[in-house]
């Protein structure tokens, strides 16, 4: 079983999560919350892998880092 890495990114200005993946070229979805972006990424990934013309089964590893500014008073 193959394993694919998917990075989740937070866009603080747009207030959305979005994806990127070196393992699945073209995997770019966005959503307002992390659960929704994971759901959309799973759907899109299965379509993109299927379009690749090779039957590949695998799992997605979601990796993310979210930064926040700390304000000291």
C-alpha atoms as a PDB file:
ATOM      1  CA  UNK A   1       0.000   0.000   0.000  1.00  0.00           C
ATOM      2  CA  UNK A   2       1.370   3.370  -1.011  1.00  0.00           C
ATOM      3  CA  UNK A   3       1.461   6.355   1.303  1.00  0.00           C
ATOM      4  CA  UNK A   4       1.037   9.939   0.108  1.00  0.00           C
ATOM      5  CA  UNK A   5       2.009  13.060   2.048  1.00  0.00           C
ATOM      6  CA  UNK A   6      -0.334  16.028   1.932  1.00  0.00           C
ATOM      7  CA  UNK A   7       0.576  19.346   3.500  1.00  0.00           C
ATOM      8  CA  UNK A   8      -2.174  21.450   5.038  1.00  0.00           C
ATOM      9  CA  UNK A   9      -1.585  25.186   5.127  1.00  0.00           C
ATOM     10  CA  UNK A  10      -3.483  27.930   6.925  1.00  0.00           C
ATOM     11  CA  UNK A  11      -3.991  31.221   5.100  1.00  0.00           C
ATOM     12  CA  UNK A  12      -4.553  33.717   7.899  1.00  0.00           C
ATOM     13  CA  UNK A  13      -5.588  36.504   5.543  1.00  0.00           C
ATOM     14  CA  UNK A  14      -8.209  34.463   3.664  1.00  0.00           C
ATOM     15  CA  UNK A  15      -9.077  32.402   6.763  1.00  0.00           C
ATOM     16  CA  UNK A  16      -8.968  29.093   4.875  1.00  0.00           C
ATOM     17  CA  UNK A  17      -7.030  25.855   4.954  1.00  0.00           C
ATOM     18  CA  UNK A  18      -5.474  24.717   1.670  1.00  0.00           C
ATOM     19  CA  UNK A  19      -3.483  21.700   0.506  1.00  0.00           C
ATOM     20  CA  UNK A  20      -0.386  20.899  -1.474  1.00  0.00           C
ATOM     21  CA  UNK A  21       1.385  17.628  -2.202  1.00  0.00           C
ATOM     22  CA  UNK A  22       4.600  16.650  -3.951  1.00  0.00           C
ATOM     23  CA  UNK A  23       3.304  13.067  -4.051  1.00  0.00           C
ATOM     24  CA  UNK A  24       0.040  13.938  -5.837  1.00  0.00           C
ATOM     25  CA  UNK A  25       0.635  16.775  -8.317  1.00  0.00           C
ATOM     26  CA  UNK A  26      -2.394  19.010  -8.754  1.00  0.00           C
ATOM     27  CA  UNK A  27      -3.858  18.325  -5.329  1.00  0.00           C
ATOM     28  CA  UNK A  28      -5.031  21.796  -4.374  1.00  0.00           C
ATOM     29  CA  UNK A  29      -8.235  22.255  -2.418  1.00  0.00           C
ATOM     30  CA  UNK A  30      -9.313  24.759   0.195  1.00  0.00           C
ATOM     31  CA  UNK A  31     -11.964  24.926   2.896  1.00  0.00           C
ATOM     32  CA  UNK A  32     -12.949  26.970   5.920  1.00  0.00           C
ATOM     33  CA  UNK A  33     -12.121  24.291   8.475  1.00  0.00           C
ATOM     34  CA  UNK A  34      -9.574  21.530   8.774  1.00  0.00           C
ATOM     35  CA  UNK A  35     -12.070  18.653   8.744  1.00  0.00           C
ATOM     36  CA  UNK A  36     -13.619  19.887   5.506  1.00  0.00           C
ATOM     37  CA  UNK A  37     -10.260  20.376   3.770  1.00  0.00           C
ATOM     38  CA  UNK A  38      -9.241  16.821   4.737  1.00  0.00           C
ATOM     39  CA  UNK A  39     -12.537  15.475   3.352  1.00  0.00           C
ATOM     40  CA  UNK A  40     -12.140  17.428   0.098  1.00  0.00           C
ATOM     41  CA  UNK A  41      -8.480  16.391  -0.216  1.00  0.00           C
ATOM     42  CA  UNK A  42      -9.425  12.713   0.101  1.00  0.00           C
ATOM     43  CA  UNK A  43     -11.996  13.039  -2.684  1.00  0.00           C
ATOM     44  CA  UNK A  44      -9.663  15.002  -4.951  1.00  0.00           C
ATOM     45  CA  UNK A  45      -6.706  12.679  -4.284  1.00  0.00           C
ATOM     46  CA  UNK A  46      -8.671   9.589  -5.269  1.00  0.00           C
ATOM     47  CA  UNK A  47      -9.692  11.255  -8.546  1.00  0.00           C
ATOM     48  CA  UNK A  48      -6.169  12.461  -9.312  1.00  0.00           C
ATOM     49  CA  UNK A  49      -4.590   9.082  -8.591  1.00  0.00           C
ATOM     50  CA  UNK A  50      -7.253   7.368 -10.736  1.00  0.00           C
ATOM     51  CA  UNK A  51      -6.580   9.828 -13.594  1.00  0.00           C
ATOM     52  CA  UNK A  52      -2.914   8.842 -13.373  1.00  0.00           C
ATOM     53  CA  UNK A  53      -3.967   5.638 -15.131  1.00  0.00           C
ATOM     54  CA  UNK A  54      -2.530   3.308 -12.541  1.00  0.00           C
ATOM     55  CA  UNK A  55      -4.531   1.631  -9.844  1.00  0.00           C
ATOM     56  CA  UNK A  56      -2.826   2.792  -6.700  1.00  0.00           C
ATOM     57  CA  UNK A  57      -4.293   2.240  -3.298  1.00  0.00           C
ATOM     58  CA  UNK A  58      -2.848   4.027  -0.364  1.00  0.00           C
ATOM     59  CA  UNK A  59      -3.293   6.279   2.575  1.00  0.00           C
ATOM     60  CA  UNK A  60      -2.918  10.008   2.925  1.00  0.00           C
ATOM     61  CA  UNK A  61      -0.664  11.416   5.627  1.00  0.00           C
ATOM     62  CA  UNK A  62      -1.796  14.924   6.514  1.00  0.00           C
ATOM     63  CA  UNK A  63       0.955  17.179   7.822  1.00  0.00           C
ATOM     64  CA  UNK A  64       0.408  20.691   9.020  1.00  0.00           C
ATOM     65  CA  UNK A  65       1.949  23.492  10.950  1.00  0.00           C
ATOM     66  CA  UNK A  66       0.040  26.529  12.043  1.00  0.00           C
ATOM     67  CA  UNK A  67       1.790  29.589  13.361  1.00  0.00           C
ATOM     68  CA  UNK A  68       0.268  32.216  15.613  1.00  0.00           C
ATOM     69  CA  UNK A  69       1.582  35.573  16.678  1.00  0.00           C
ATOM     70  CA  UNK A  70       2.015  36.141  20.362  1.00  0.00           C
ATOM     71  CA  UNK A  71       1.354  39.648  21.563  1.00  0.00           C
ATOM     72  CA  UNK A  72       3.058  40.714  24.766  1.00  0.00           C
ATOM     73  CA  UNK A  73       1.618  43.550  26.776  1.00  0.00           C
END
